[in-house]
Amino acid sequence: AGFEADYVEGDIGWEFWKKEGNPLPDR
């Protein structure tokens, strides 16, 4: 559609709960 943006991925969800004990890391 012509939308120009840079995308940066954030960590969230079940895998981070299992590995880190926090599904919503501070980063």
mmCIF file of all heavy atoms, coordinates in Angstrom:
data_MODEL
# 
_entry.id   MODEL 
# 
loop_
_atom_site.group_PDB 
_atom_site.id 
_atom_site.type_symbol 
_atom_site.label_atom_id 
_atom_site.label_alt_id 
_atom_site.label_comp_id 
_atom_site.label_asym_id 
_atom_site.label_entity_id 
_atom_site.label_seq_id 
_atom_site.pdbx_PDB_ins_code 
_atom_site.Cartn_x 
_atom_site.Cartn_y 
_atom_site.Cartn_z 
_atom_site.occupancy 
_atom_site.B_iso_or_equiv 
_atom_site.pdbx_formal_charge 
_atom_site.auth_seq_id 
_atom_site.auth_comp_id 
_atom_site.auth_asym_id 
_atom_site.auth_atom_id 
_atom_site.pdbx_PDB_model_num 
ATOM 1   N N   . ALA A 1 1  ? 0.816  -1.219  0.000  1.00 0.00 ? 1  ALA A N   1 
ATOM 2   C CA  . ALA A 1 1  ? 0.000  0.000   0.000  1.00 0.00 ? 1  ALA A CA  1 
ATOM 3   C C   . ALA A 1 1  ? 0.849  1.268   0.000  1.00 0.00 ? 1  ALA A C   1 
ATOM 4   O O   . ALA A 1 1  ? 0.309  2.374   -0.052 1.00 0.00 ? 1  ALA A O   1 
ATOM 5   C CB  . ALA A 1 1  ? -0.932 -0.002  1.202  1.00 0.00 ? 1  ALA A CB  1 
ATOM 6   N N   . GLY A 1 2  ? 2.168  1.105   0.077  1.00 0.00 ? 2  GLY A N   1 
ATOM 7   C CA  . GLY A 1 2  ? 3.053  2.258   0.037  1.00 0.00 ? 2  GLY A CA  1 
ATOM 8   C C   . GLY A 1 2  ? 3.413  2.829   1.389  1.00 0.00 ? 2  GLY A C   1 
ATOM 9   O O   . GLY A 1 2  ? 3.997  3.919   1.476  1.00 0.00 ? 2  GLY A O   1 
ATOM 10  N N   . PHE A 1 3  ? 3.089  2.096   2.465  1.00 0.00 ? 3  PHE A N   1 
ATOM 11  C CA  . PHE A 1 3  ? 3.459  2.573   3.801  1.00 0.00 ? 3  PHE A CA  1 
ATOM 12  C C   . PHE A 1 3  ? 4.924  2.231   4.056  1.00 0.00 ? 3  PHE A C   1 
ATOM 13  O O   . PHE A 1 3  ? 5.322  1.070   4.003  1.00 0.00 ? 3  PHE A O   1 
ATOM 14  C CB  . PHE A 1 3  ? 2.585  1.923   4.858  1.00 0.00 ? 3  PHE A CB  1 
ATOM 15  C CG  . PHE A 1 3  ? 2.935  2.326   6.262  1.00 0.00 ? 3  PHE A CG  1 
ATOM 16  C CD1 . PHE A 1 3  ? 2.850  3.647   6.668  1.00 0.00 ? 3  PHE A CD1 1 
ATOM 17  C CD2 . PHE A 1 3  ? 3.366  1.378   7.181  1.00 0.00 ? 3  PHE A CD2 1 
ATOM 18  C CE1 . PHE A 1 3  ? 3.179  4.021   7.972  1.00 0.00 ? 3  PHE A CE1 1 
ATOM 19  C CE2 . PHE A 1 3  ? 3.686  1.734   8.474  1.00 0.00 ? 3  PHE A CE2 1 
ATOM 20  C CZ  . PHE A 1 3  ? 3.600  3.060   8.871  1.00 0.00 ? 3  PHE A CZ  1 
ATOM 21  N N   . GLU A 1 4  ? 5.708  3.243   4.316  1.00 0.00 ? 4  GLU A N   1 
ATOM 22  C CA  . GLU A 1 4  ? 7.137  3.053   4.534  1.00 0.00 ? 4  GLU A CA  1 
ATOM 23  C C   . GLU A 1 4  ? 7.459  3.175   6.016  1.00 0.00 ? 4  GLU A C   1 
ATOM 24  O O   . GLU A 1 4  ? 7.144  4.199   6.646  1.00 0.00 ? 4  GLU A O   1 
ATOM 25  C CB  . GLU A 1 4  ? 7.935  4.075   3.728  1.00 0.00 ? 4  GLU A CB  1 
ATOM 26  C CG  . GLU A 1 4  ? 7.772  3.918   2.213  1.00 0.00 ? 4  GLU A CG  1 
ATOM 27  C CD  . GLU A 1 4  ? 8.658  4.877   1.436  1.00 0.00 ? 4  GLU A CD  1 
ATOM 28  O OE1 . GLU A 1 4  ? 9.399  5.656   2.067  1.00 0.00 ? 4  GLU A OE1 1 
ATOM 29  O OE2 . GLU A 1 4  ? 8.600  4.835   0.191  1.00 0.00 ? 4  GLU A OE2 1 
ATOM 30  N N   . ALA A 1 5  ? 8.069  2.153   6.551  1.00 0.00 ? 5  ALA A N   1 
ATOM 31  C CA  . ALA A 1 5  ? 8.418  2.155   7.971  1.00 0.00 ? 5  ALA A CA  1 
ATOM 32  C C   . ALA A 1 5  ? 9.582  1.215   8.205  1.00 0.00 ? 5  ALA A C   1 
ATOM 33  O O   . ALA A 1 5  ? 9.853  0.311   7.417  1.00 0.00 ? 5  ALA A O   1 
ATOM 34  C CB  . ALA A 1 5  ? 7.222  1.731   8.822  1.00 0.00 ? 5  ALA A CB  1 
ATOM 35  N N   . ASP A 1 6  ? 10.279 1.471   9.302  1.00 0.00 ? 6  ASP A N   1 
ATOM 36  C CA  . ASP A 1 6  ? 11.254 0.508   9.804  1.00 0.00 ? 6  ASP A CA  1 
ATOM 37  C C   . ASP A 1 6  ? 10.556 -0.295  10.900 1.00 0.00 ? 6  ASP A C   1 
ATOM 38  O O   . ASP A 1 6  ? 9.807  0.264   11.712 1.00 0.00 ? 6  ASP A O   1 
ATOM 39  C CB  . ASP A 1 6  ? 12.473 1.224   10.388 1.00 0.00 ? 6  ASP A CB  1 
ATOM 40  C CG  . ASP A 1 6  ? 13.288 1.935   9.317  1.00 0.00 ? 6  ASP A CG  1 
ATOM 41  O OD1 . ASP A 1 6  ? 13.426 1.367   8.219  1.00 0.00 ? 6  ASP A OD1 1 
ATOM 42  O OD2 . ASP A 1 6  ? 13.757 3.060   9.570  1.00 0.00 ? 6  ASP A OD2 1 
ATOM 43  N N   . TYR A 1 7  ? 10.801 -1.591  10.918 1.00 0.00 ? 7  TYR A N   1 
ATOM 44  C CA  . TYR A 1 7  ? 10.160 -2.458  11.901 1.00 0.00 ? 7  TYR A CA  1 
ATOM 45  C C   . TYR A 1 7  ? 11.212 -3.053  12.828 1.00 0.00 ? 7  TYR A C   1 
ATOM 46  O O   . TYR A 1 7  ? 12.246 -3.535  12.385 1.00 0.00 ? 7  TYR A O   1 
ATOM 47  C CB  . TYR A 1 7  ? 9.391  -3.576  11.193 1.00 0.00 ? 7  TYR A CB  1 
ATOM 48  C CG  . TYR A 1 7  ? 8.260  -3.062  10.332 1.00 0.00 ? 7  TYR A CG  1 
ATOM 49  C CD1 . TYR A 1 7  ? 8.410  -2.945  8.949  1.00 0.00 ? 7  TYR A CD1 1 
ATOM 50  C CD2 . TYR A 1 7  ? 7.040  -2.675  10.890 1.00 0.00 ? 7  TYR A CD2 1 
ATOM 51  C CE1 . TYR A 1 7  ? 7.381  -2.469  8.150  1.00 0.00 ? 7  TYR A CE1 1 
ATOM 52  C CE2 . TYR A 1 7  ? 6.008  -2.198  10.104 1.00 0.00 ? 7  TYR A CE2 1 
ATOM 53  C CZ  . TYR A 1 7  ? 6.183  -2.097  8.727  1.00 0.00 ? 7  TYR A CZ  1 
ATOM 54  O OH  . TYR A 1 7  ? 5.167  -1.613  7.939  1.00 0.00 ? 7  TYR A OH  1 
ATOM 55  N N   . VAL A 1 8  ? 10.916 -2.996  14.110 1.00 0.00 ? 8  VAL A N   1 
ATOM 56  C CA  . VAL A 1 8  ? 11.802 -3.589  15.101 1.00 0.00 ? 8  VAL A CA  1 
ATOM 57  C C   . VAL A 1 8  ? 10.975 -4.560  15.935 1.00 0.00 ? 8  VAL A C   1 
ATOM 58  O O   . VAL A 1 8  ? 9.898  -4.213  16.433 1.00 0.00 ? 8  VAL A O   1 
ATOM 59  C CB  . VAL A 1 8  ? 12.477 -2.516  15.979 1.00 0.00 ? 8  VAL A CB  1 
ATOM 60  C CG1 . VAL A 1 8  ? 11.454 -1.597  16.644 1.00 0.00 ? 8  VAL A CG1 1 
ATOM 61  C CG2 . VAL A 1 8  ? 13.375 -3.148  17.021 1.00 0.00 ? 8  VAL A CG2 1 
ATOM 62  N N   . GLU A 1 9  ? 11.454 -5.801  16.054 1.00 0.00 ? 9  GLU A N   1 
ATOM 63  C CA  . GLU A 1 9  ? 10.663 -6.836  16.716 1.00 0.00 ? 9  GLU A CA  1 
ATOM 64  C C   . GLU A 1 9  ? 10.901 -6.842  18.216 1.00 0.00 ? 9  GLU A C   1 
ATOM 65  O O   . GLU A 1 9  ? 12.044 -6.763  18.686 1.00 0.00 ? 9  GLU A O   1 
ATOM 66  C CB  . GLU A 1 9  ? 10.990 -8.207  16.125 1.00 0.00 ? 9  GLU A CB  1 
ATOM 67  C CG  . GLU A 1 9  ? 10.123 -9.323  16.681 1.00 0.00 ? 9  GLU A CG  1 
ATOM 68  C CD  . GLU A 1 9  ? 10.288 -10.634 15.931 1.00 0.00 ? 9  GLU A CD  1 
ATOM 69  O OE1 . GLU A 1 9  ? 10.239 -10.618 14.672 1.00 0.00 ? 9  GLU A OE1 1 
ATOM 70  O OE2 . GLU A 1 9  ? 10.468 -11.677 16.598 1.00 0.00 ? 9  GLU A OE2 1 
ATOM 71  N N   . GLY A 1 10 ? 9.815  -6.967  18.965 1.00 0.00 ? 10 GLY A N   1 
ATOM 72  C CA  . GLY A 1 10 ? 9.883  -7.057  20.421 1.00 0.00 ? 10 GLY A CA  1 
ATOM 73  C C   . GLY A 1 10 ? 9.560  -8.456  20.900 1.00 0.00 ? 10 GLY A C   1 
ATOM 74  O O   . GLY A 1 10 ? 8.796  -9.195  20.268 1.00 0.00 ? 10 GLY A O   1 
ATOM 75  N N   . ASP A 1 11 ? 10.166 -8.840  22.018 1.00 0.00 ? 11 ASP A N   1 
ATOM 76  C CA  . ASP A 1 11 ? 9.958  -10.165 22.603 1.00 0.00 ? 11 ASP A CA  1 
ATOM 77  C C   . ASP A 1 11 ? 8.745  -10.134 23.522 1.00 0.00 ? 11 ASP A C   1 
ATOM 78  O O   . ASP A 1 11 ? 8.658  -9.295  24.431 1.00 0.00 ? 11 ASP A O   1 
ATOM 79  C CB  . ASP A 1 11 ? 11.192 -10.589 23.405 1.00 0.00 ? 11 ASP A CB  1 
ATOM 80  C CG  . ASP A 1 11 ? 12.434 -10.722 22.542 1.00 0.00 ? 11 ASP A CG  1 
ATOM 81  O OD1 . ASP A 1 11 ? 12.279 -10.996 21.335 1.00 0.00 ? 11 ASP A OD1 1 
ATOM 82  O OD2 . ASP A 1 11 ? 13.551 -10.547 23.073 1.00 0.00 ? 11 ASP A OD2 1 
ATOM 83  N N   . ILE A 1 12 ? 7.816  -11.053 23.281 1.00 0.00 ? 12 ILE A N   1 
ATOM 84  C CA  . ILE A 1 12 ? 6.618  -11.112 24.118 1.00 0.00 ? 12 ILE A CA  1 
ATOM 85  C C   . ILE A 1 12 ? 5.990  -12.491 23.981 1.00 0.00 ? 12 ILE A C   1 
ATOM 86  O O   . ILE A 1 12 ? 6.093  -13.122 22.932 1.00 0.00 ? 12 ILE A O   1 
ATOM 87  C CB  . ILE A 1 12 ? 5.612  -10.001 23.703 1.00 0.00 ? 12 ILE A CB  1 
ATOM 88  C CG1 . ILE A 1 12 ? 4.520  -9.807  24.769 1.00 0.00 ? 12 ILE A CG1 1 
ATOM 89  C CG2 . ILE A 1 12 ? 5.000  -10.294 22.345 1.00 0.00 ? 12 ILE A CG2 1 
ATOM 90  C CD1 . ILE A 1 12 ? 3.679  -8.560  24.556 1.00 0.00 ? 12 ILE A CD1 1 
ATOM 91  N N   . GLY A 1 13 ? 5.404  -12.984 25.055 1.00 0.00 ? 13 GLY A N   1 
ATOM 92  C CA  . GLY A 1 13 ? 4.616  -14.190 24.946 1.00 0.00 ? 13 GLY A CA  1 
ATOM 93  C C   . GLY A 1 13 ? 5.112  -15.384 25.719 1.00 0.00 ? 13 GLY A C   1 
ATOM 94  O O   . GLY A 1 13 ? 5.985  -15.297 26.591 1.00 0.00 ? 13 GLY A O   1 
ATOM 95  N N   . TRP A 1 14 ? 4.551  -16.523 25.368 1.00 0.00 ? 14 TRP A N   1 
ATOM 96  C CA  . TRP A 1 14 ? 4.716  -17.744 26.147 1.00 0.00 ? 14 TRP A CA  1 
ATOM 97  C C   . TRP A 1 14 ? 6.155  -18.236 26.208 1.00 0.00 ? 14 TRP A C   1 
ATOM 98  O O   . TRP A 1 14 ? 6.617  -18.699 27.252 1.00 0.00 ? 14 TRP A O   1 
ATOM 99  C CB  . TRP A 1 14 ? 3.815  -18.827 25.563 1.00 0.00 ? 14 TRP A CB  1 
ATOM 100 C CG  . TRP A 1 14 ? 3.563  -19.936 26.532 1.00 0.00 ? 14 TRP A CG  1 
ATOM 101 C CD1 . TRP A 1 14 ? 4.058  -21.199 26.477 1.00 0.00 ? 14 TRP A CD1 1 
ATOM 102 C CD2 . TRP A 1 14 ? 2.769  -19.874 27.714 1.00 0.00 ? 14 TRP A CD2 1 
ATOM 103 N NE1 . TRP A 1 14 ? 3.619  -21.938 27.560 1.00 0.00 ? 14 TRP A NE1 1 
ATOM 104 C CE2 . TRP A 1 14 ? 2.824  -21.150 28.335 1.00 0.00 ? 14 TRP A CE2 1 
ATOM 105 C CE3 . TRP A 1 14 ? 2.016  -18.865 28.326 1.00 0.00 ? 14 TRP A CE3 1 
ATOM 106 C CZ2 . TRP A 1 14 ? 2.151  -21.425 29.518 1.00 0.00 ? 14 TRP A CZ2 1 
ATOM 107 C CZ3 . TRP A 1 14 ? 1.346  -19.148 29.509 1.00 0.00 ? 14 TRP A CZ3 1 
ATOM 108 C CH2 . TRP A 1 14 ? 1.427  -20.417 30.092 1.00 0.00 ? 14 TRP A CH2 1 
ATOM 109 N N   . GLU A 1 15 ? 6.867  -18.159 25.113 1.00 0.00 ? 15 GLU A N   1 
ATOM 110 C CA  . GLU A 1 15 ? 8.246  -18.656 25.104 1.00 0.00 ? 15 GLU A CA  1 
ATOM 111 C C   . GLU A 1 15 ? 9.113  -17.888 26.092 1.00 0.00 ? 15 GLU A C   1 
ATOM 112 O O   . GLU A 1 15 ? 10.021 -18.466 26.714 1.00 0.00 ? 15 GLU A O   1 
ATOM 113 C CB  . GLU A 1 15 ? 8.838  -18.573 23.702 1.00 0.00 ? 15 GLU A CB  1 
ATOM 114 C CG  . GLU A 1 15 ? 8.199  -19.527 22.702 1.00 0.00 ? 15 GLU A CG  1 
ATOM 115 C CD  . GLU A 1 15 ? 8.252  -20.976 23.175 1.00 0.00 ? 15 GLU A CD  1 
ATOM 116 O OE1 . GLU A 1 15 ? 9.333  -21.419 23.614 1.00 0.00 ? 15 GLU A OE1 1 
ATOM 117 O OE2 . GLU A 1 15 ? 7.206  -21.653 23.123 1.00 0.00 ? 15 GLU A OE2 1 
ATOM 118 N N   . PHE A 1 16 ? 8.838  -16.606 26.254 1.00 0.00 ? 16 PHE A N   1 
ATOM 119 C CA  . PHE A 1 16 ? 9.652  -15.793 27.175 1.00 0.00 ? 16 PHE A CA  1 
ATOM 120 C C   . PHE A 1 16 ? 9.232  -16.031 28.618 1.00 0.00 ? 16 PHE A C   1 
ATOM 121 O O   . PHE A 1 16 ? 10.049 -15.897 29.533 1.00 0.00 ? 16 PHE A O   1 
ATOM 122 C CB  . PHE A 1 16 ? 9.575  -14.317 26.767 1.00 0.00 ? 16 PHE A CB  1 
ATOM 123 C CG  . PHE A 1 16 ? 10.117 -14.097 25.390 1.00 0.00 ? 16 PHE A CG  1 
ATOM 124 C CD1 . PHE A 1 16 ? 9.268  -14.049 24.289 1.00 0.00 ? 16 PHE A CD1 1 
ATOM 125 C CD2 . PHE A 1 16 ? 11.479 -14.029 25.174 1.00 0.00 ? 16 PHE A CD2 1 
ATOM 126 C CE1 . PHE A 1 16 ? 9.765  -13.902 23.003 1.00 0.00 ? 16 PHE A CE1 1 
ATOM 127 C CE2 . PHE A 1 16 ? 11.992 -13.881 23.894 1.00 0.00 ? 16 PHE A CE2 1 
ATOM 128 C CZ  . PHE A 1 16 ? 11.136 -13.823 22.812 1.00 0.00 ? 16 PHE A CZ  1 
ATOM 129 N N   . TRP A 1 17 ? 7.966  -16.410 28.816 1.00 0.00 ? 17 TRP A N   1 
ATOM 130 C CA  . TRP A 1 17 ? 7.563  -16.865 30.135 1.00 0.00 ? 17 TRP A CA  1 
ATOM 131 C C   . TRP A 1 17 ? 8.313  -18.138 30.506 1.00 0.00 ? 17 TRP A C   1 
ATOM 132 O O   . TRP A 1 17 ? 8.877  -18.247 31.600 1.00 0.00 ? 17 TRP A O   1 
ATOM 133 C CB  . TRP A 1 17 ? 6.063  -17.121 30.184 1.00 0.00 ? 17 TRP A CB  1 
ATOM 134 C CG  . TRP A 1 17 ? 5.635  -17.995 31.324 1.00 0.00 ? 17 TRP A CG  1 
ATOM 135 C CD1 . TRP A 1 17 ? 5.232  -19.296 31.262 1.00 0.00 ? 17 TRP A CD1 1 
ATOM 136 C CD2 . TRP A 1 17 ? 5.611  -17.638 32.718 1.00 0.00 ? 17 TRP A CD2 1 
ATOM 137 N NE1 . TRP A 1 17 ? 4.956  -19.784 32.516 1.00 0.00 ? 17 TRP A NE1 1 
ATOM 138 C CE2 . TRP A 1 17 ? 5.182  -18.776 33.435 1.00 0.00 ? 17 TRP A CE2 1 
ATOM 139 C CE3 . TRP A 1 17 ? 5.918  -16.475 33.428 1.00 0.00 ? 17 TRP A CE3 1 
ATOM 140 C CZ2 . TRP A 1 17 ? 5.036  -18.786 34.818 1.00 0.00 ? 17 TRP A CZ2 1 
ATOM 141 C CZ3 . TRP A 1 17 ? 5.773  -16.478 34.814 1.00 0.00 ? 17 TRP A CZ3 1 
ATOM 142 C CH2 . TRP A 1 17 ? 5.347  -17.612 35.492 1.00 0.00 ? 17 TRP A CH2 1 
ATOM 143 N N   . LYS A 1 18 ? 8.351  -19.086 29.603 1.00 0.00 ? 18 LYS A N   1 
ATOM 144 C CA  . LYS A 1 18 ? 8.989  -20.370 29.912 1.00 0.00 ? 18 LYS A CA  1 
ATOM 145 C C   . LYS A 1 18 ? 10.492 -20.219 30.148 1.00 0.00 ? 18 LYS A C   1 
ATOM 146 O O   . LYS A 1 18 ? 11.050 -20.839 31.054 1.00 0.00 ? 18 LYS A O   1 
ATOM 147 C CB  . LYS A 1 18 ? 8.740  -21.362 28.776 1.00 0.00 ? 18 LYS A CB  1 
ATOM 148 C CG  . LYS A 1 18 ? 7.286  -21.787 28.630 1.00 0.00 ? 18 LYS A CG  1 
ATOM 149 C CD  . LYS A 1 18 ? 7.124  -23.023 27.755 1.00 0.00 ? 18 LYS A CD  1 
ATOM 150 C CE  . LYS A 1 18 ? 7.581  -22.809 26.348 1.00 0.00 ? 18 LYS A CE  1 
ATOM 151 N NZ  . LYS A 1 18 ? 7.347  -24.004 25.494 1.00 0.00 ? 18 LYS A NZ  1 
ATOM 152 N N   . LYS A 1 19 ? 11.154 -19.388 29.347 1.00 0.00 ? 19 LYS A N   1 
ATOM 153 C CA  . LYS A 1 19 ? 12.615 -19.256 29.428 1.00 0.00 ? 19 LYS A CA  1 
ATOM 154 C C   . LYS A 1 19 ? 13.063 -18.267 30.498 1.00 0.00 ? 19 LYS A C   1 
ATOM 155 O O   . LYS A 1 19 ? 14.086 -18.470 31.144 1.00 0.00 ? 19 LYS A O   1 
ATOM 156 C CB  . LYS A 1 19 ? 13.167 -18.795 28.082 1.00 0.00 ? 19 LYS A CB  1 
ATOM 157 C CG  . LYS A 1 19 ? 13.051 -19.816 26.962 1.00 0.00 ? 19 LYS A CG  1 
ATOM 158 C CD  . LYS A 1 19 ? 13.779 -19.351 25.715 1.00 0.00 ? 19 LYS A CD  1 
ATOM 159 C CE  . LYS A 1 19 ? 13.180 -18.089 25.128 1.00 0.00 ? 19 LYS A CE  1 
ATOM 160 N NZ  . LYS A 1 19 ? 13.807 -17.705 23.836 1.00 0.00 ? 19 LYS A NZ  1 
ATOM 161 N N   . GLU A 1 20 ? 12.278 -17.190 30.686 1.00 0.00 ? 20 GLU A N   1 
ATOM 162 C CA  . GLU A 1 20 ? 12.733 -16.096 31.537 1.00 0.00 ? 20 GLU A CA  1 
ATOM 163 C C   . GLU A 1 20 ? 11.830 -15.833 32.737 1.00 0.00 ? 20 GLU A C   1 
ATOM 164 O O   . GLU A 1 20 ? 12.187 -15.046 33.622 1.00 0.00 ? 20 GLU A O   1 
ATOM 165 C CB  . GLU A 1 20 ? 12.835 -14.802 30.715 1.00 0.00 ? 20 GLU A CB  1 
ATOM 166 C CG  . GLU A 1 20 ? 13.765 -14.910 29.512 1.00 0.00 ? 20 GLU A CG  1 
ATOM 167 C CD  . GLU A 1 20 ? 13.800 -13.628 28.692 1.00 0.00 ? 20 GLU A CD  1 
ATOM 168 O OE1 . GLU A 1 20 ? 13.468 -12.560 29.245 1.00 0.00 ? 20 GLU A OE1 1 
ATOM 169 O OE2 . GLU A 1 20 ? 14.144 -13.682 27.500 1.00 0.00 ? 20 GLU A OE2 1 
ATOM 170 N N   . GLY A 1 21 ? 10.662 -16.454 32.733 1.00 0.00 ? 21 GLY A N   1 
ATOM 171 C CA  . GLY A 1 21 ? 9.725  -16.189 33.816 1.00 0.00 ? 21 GLY A CA  1 
ATOM 172 C C   . GLY A 1 21 ? 9.033  -14.849 33.670 1.00 0.00 ? 21 GLY A C   1 
ATOM 173 O O   . GLY A 1 21 ? 8.429  -14.340 34.628 1.00 0.00 ? 21 GLY A O   1 
ATOM 174 N N   . ASN A 1 22 ? 9.091  -14.282 32.457 1.00 0.00 ? 22 ASN A N   1 
ATOM 175 C CA  . ASN A 1 22 ? 8.462  -12.974 32.223 1.00 0.00 ? 22 ASN A CA  1 
ATOM 176 C C   . ASN A 1 22 ? 8.001  -12.916 30.764 1.00 0.00 ? 22 ASN A C   1 
ATOM 177 O O   . ASN A 1 22 ? 8.830  -12.846 29.857 1.00 0.00 ? 22 ASN A O   1 
ATOM 178 C CB  . ASN A 1 22 ? 9.463  -11.850 32.503 1.00 0.00 ? 22 ASN A CB  1 
ATOM 179 C CG  . ASN A 1 22 ? 8.821  -10.474 32.379 1.00 0.00 ? 22 ASN A CG  1 
ATOM 180 O OD1 . ASN A 1 22 ? 7.637  -10.349 32.078 1.00 0.00 ? 22 ASN A OD1 1 
ATOM 181 N ND2 . ASN A 1 22 ? 9.608  -9.432  32.607 1.00 0.00 ? 22 ASN A ND2 1 
ATOM 182 N N   . PRO A 1 23 ? 6.680  -12.961 30.518 1.00 0.00 ? 23 PRO A N   1 
ATOM 183 C CA  . PRO A 1 23 ? 6.197  -12.908 29.134 1.00 0.00 ? 23 PRO A CA  1 
ATOM 184 C C   . PRO A 1 23 ? 6.241  -11.510 28.532 1.00 0.00 ? 23 PRO A C   1 
ATOM 185 O O   . PRO A 1 23 ? 5.988  -11.348 27.346 1.00 0.00 ? 23 PRO A O   1 
ATOM 186 C CB  . PRO A 1 23 ? 4.757  -13.404 29.256 1.00 0.00 ? 23 PRO A CB  1 
ATOM 187 C CG  . PRO A 1 23 ? 4.343  -12.986 30.631 1.00 0.00 ? 23 PRO A CG  1 
ATOM 188 C CD  . PRO A 1 23 ? 5.579  -13.106 31.486 1.00 0.00 ? 23 PRO A CD  1 
ATOM 189 N N   . LEU A 1 24 ? 6.569  -10.517 29.347 1.00 0.00 ? 24 LEU A N   1 
ATOM 190 C CA  . LEU A 1 24 ? 6.677  -9.132  28.870 1.00 0.00 ? 24 LEU A CA  1 
ATOM 191 C C   . LEU A 1 24 ? 7.987  -8.537  29.390 1.00 0.00 ? 24 LEU A C   1 
ATOM 192 O O   . LEU A 1 24 ? 8.010  -7.778  30.368 1.00 0.00 ? 24 LEU A O   1 
ATOM 193 C CB  . LEU A 1 24 ? 5.475  -8.308  29.346 1.00 0.00 ? 24 LEU A CB  1 
ATOM 194 C CG  . LEU A 1 24 ? 5.429  -6.838  28.943 1.00 0.00 ? 24 LEU A CG  1 
ATOM 195 C CD1 . LEU A 1 24 ? 5.459  -6.674  27.430 1.00 0.00 ? 24 LEU A CD1 1 
ATOM 196 C CD2 . LEU A 1 24 ? 4.189  -6.160  29.533 1.00 0.00 ? 24 LEU A CD2 1 
ATOM 197 N N   . PRO A 1 25 ? 9.104  -8.867  28.747 1.00 0.00 ? 25 PRO A N   1 
ATOM 198 C CA  . PRO A 1 25 ? 10.410 -8.394  29.249 1.00 0.00 ? 25 PRO A CA  1 
ATOM 199 C C   . PRO A 1 25 ? 10.518 -6.866  29.232 1.00 0.00 ? 25 PRO A C   1 
ATOM 200 O O   . PRO A 1 25 ? 9.897  -6.189  28.406 1.00 0.00 ? 25 PRO A O   1 
ATOM 201 C CB  . PRO A 1 25 ? 11.402 -9.027  28.262 1.00 0.00 ? 25 PRO A CB  1 
ATOM 202 C CG  . PRO A 1 25 ? 10.673 -10.187 27.656 1.00 0.00 ? 25 PRO A CG  1 
ATOM 203 C CD  . PRO A 1 25 ? 9.243  -9.764  27.588 1.00 0.00 ? 25 PRO A CD  1 
ATOM 204 N N   . ASP A 1 26 ? 11.346 -6.357  30.131 1.00 0.00 ? 26 ASP A N   1 
ATOM 205 C CA  . ASP A 1 26 ? 11.540 -4.905  30.227 1.00 0.00 ? 26 ASP A CA  1 
ATOM 206 C C   . ASP A 1 26 ? 12.054 -4.320  28.916 1.00 0.00 ? 26 ASP A C   1 
ATOM 207 O O   . ASP A 1 26 ? 11.745 -3.176  28.576 1.00 0.00 ? 26 ASP A O   1 
ATOM 208 C CB  . ASP A 1 26 ? 12.524 -4.579  31.356 1.00 0.00 ? 26 ASP A CB  1 
ATOM 209 C CG  . ASP A 1 26 ? 11.916 -4.818  32.727 1.00 0.00 ? 26 ASP A CG  1 
ATOM 210 O OD1 . ASP A 1 26 ? 10.673 -4.928  32.811 1.00 0.00 ? 26 ASP A OD1 1 
ATOM 211 O OD2 . ASP A 1 26 ? 12.679 -4.903  33.708 1.00 0.00 ? 26 ASP A OD2 1 
ATOM 212 N N   . ARG A 1 27 ? 12.845 -5.094  28.168 1.00 0.00 ? 27 ARG A N   1 
ATOM 213 C CA  . ARG A 1 27 ? 13.389 -4.570  26.917 1.00 0.00 ? 27 ARG A CA  1 
ATOM 214 C C   . ARG A 1 27 ? 12.272 -4.273  25.905 1.00 0.00 ? 27 ARG A C   1 
ATOM 215 O O   . ARG A 1 27 ? 12.403 -3.358  25.072 1.00 0.00 ? 27 ARG A O   1 
ATOM 216 C CB  . ARG A 1 27 ? 14.393 -5.561  26.324 1.00 0.00 ? 27 ARG A CB  1 
ATOM 217 C CG  . ARG A 1 27 ? 13.857 -6.951  26.044 1.00 0.00 ? 27 ARG A CG  1 
ATOM 218 C CD  . ARG A 1 27 ? 14.951 -7.924  25.628 1.00 0.00 ? 27 ARG A CD  1 
ATOM 219 N NE  . ARG A 1 27 ? 14.469 -9.278  25.389 1.00 0.00 ? 27 ARG A NE  1 
ATOM 220 C CZ  . ARG A 1 27 ? 14.328 -10.197 26.342 1.00 0.00 ? 27 ARG A CZ  1 
ATOM 221 N NH1 . ARG A 1 27 ? 14.658 -9.906  27.594 1.00 0.00 ? 27 ARG A NH1 1 
ATOM 222 N NH2 . ARG A 1 27 ? 13.893 -11.414 26.046 1.00 0.00 ? 27 ARG A NH2 1 
# 
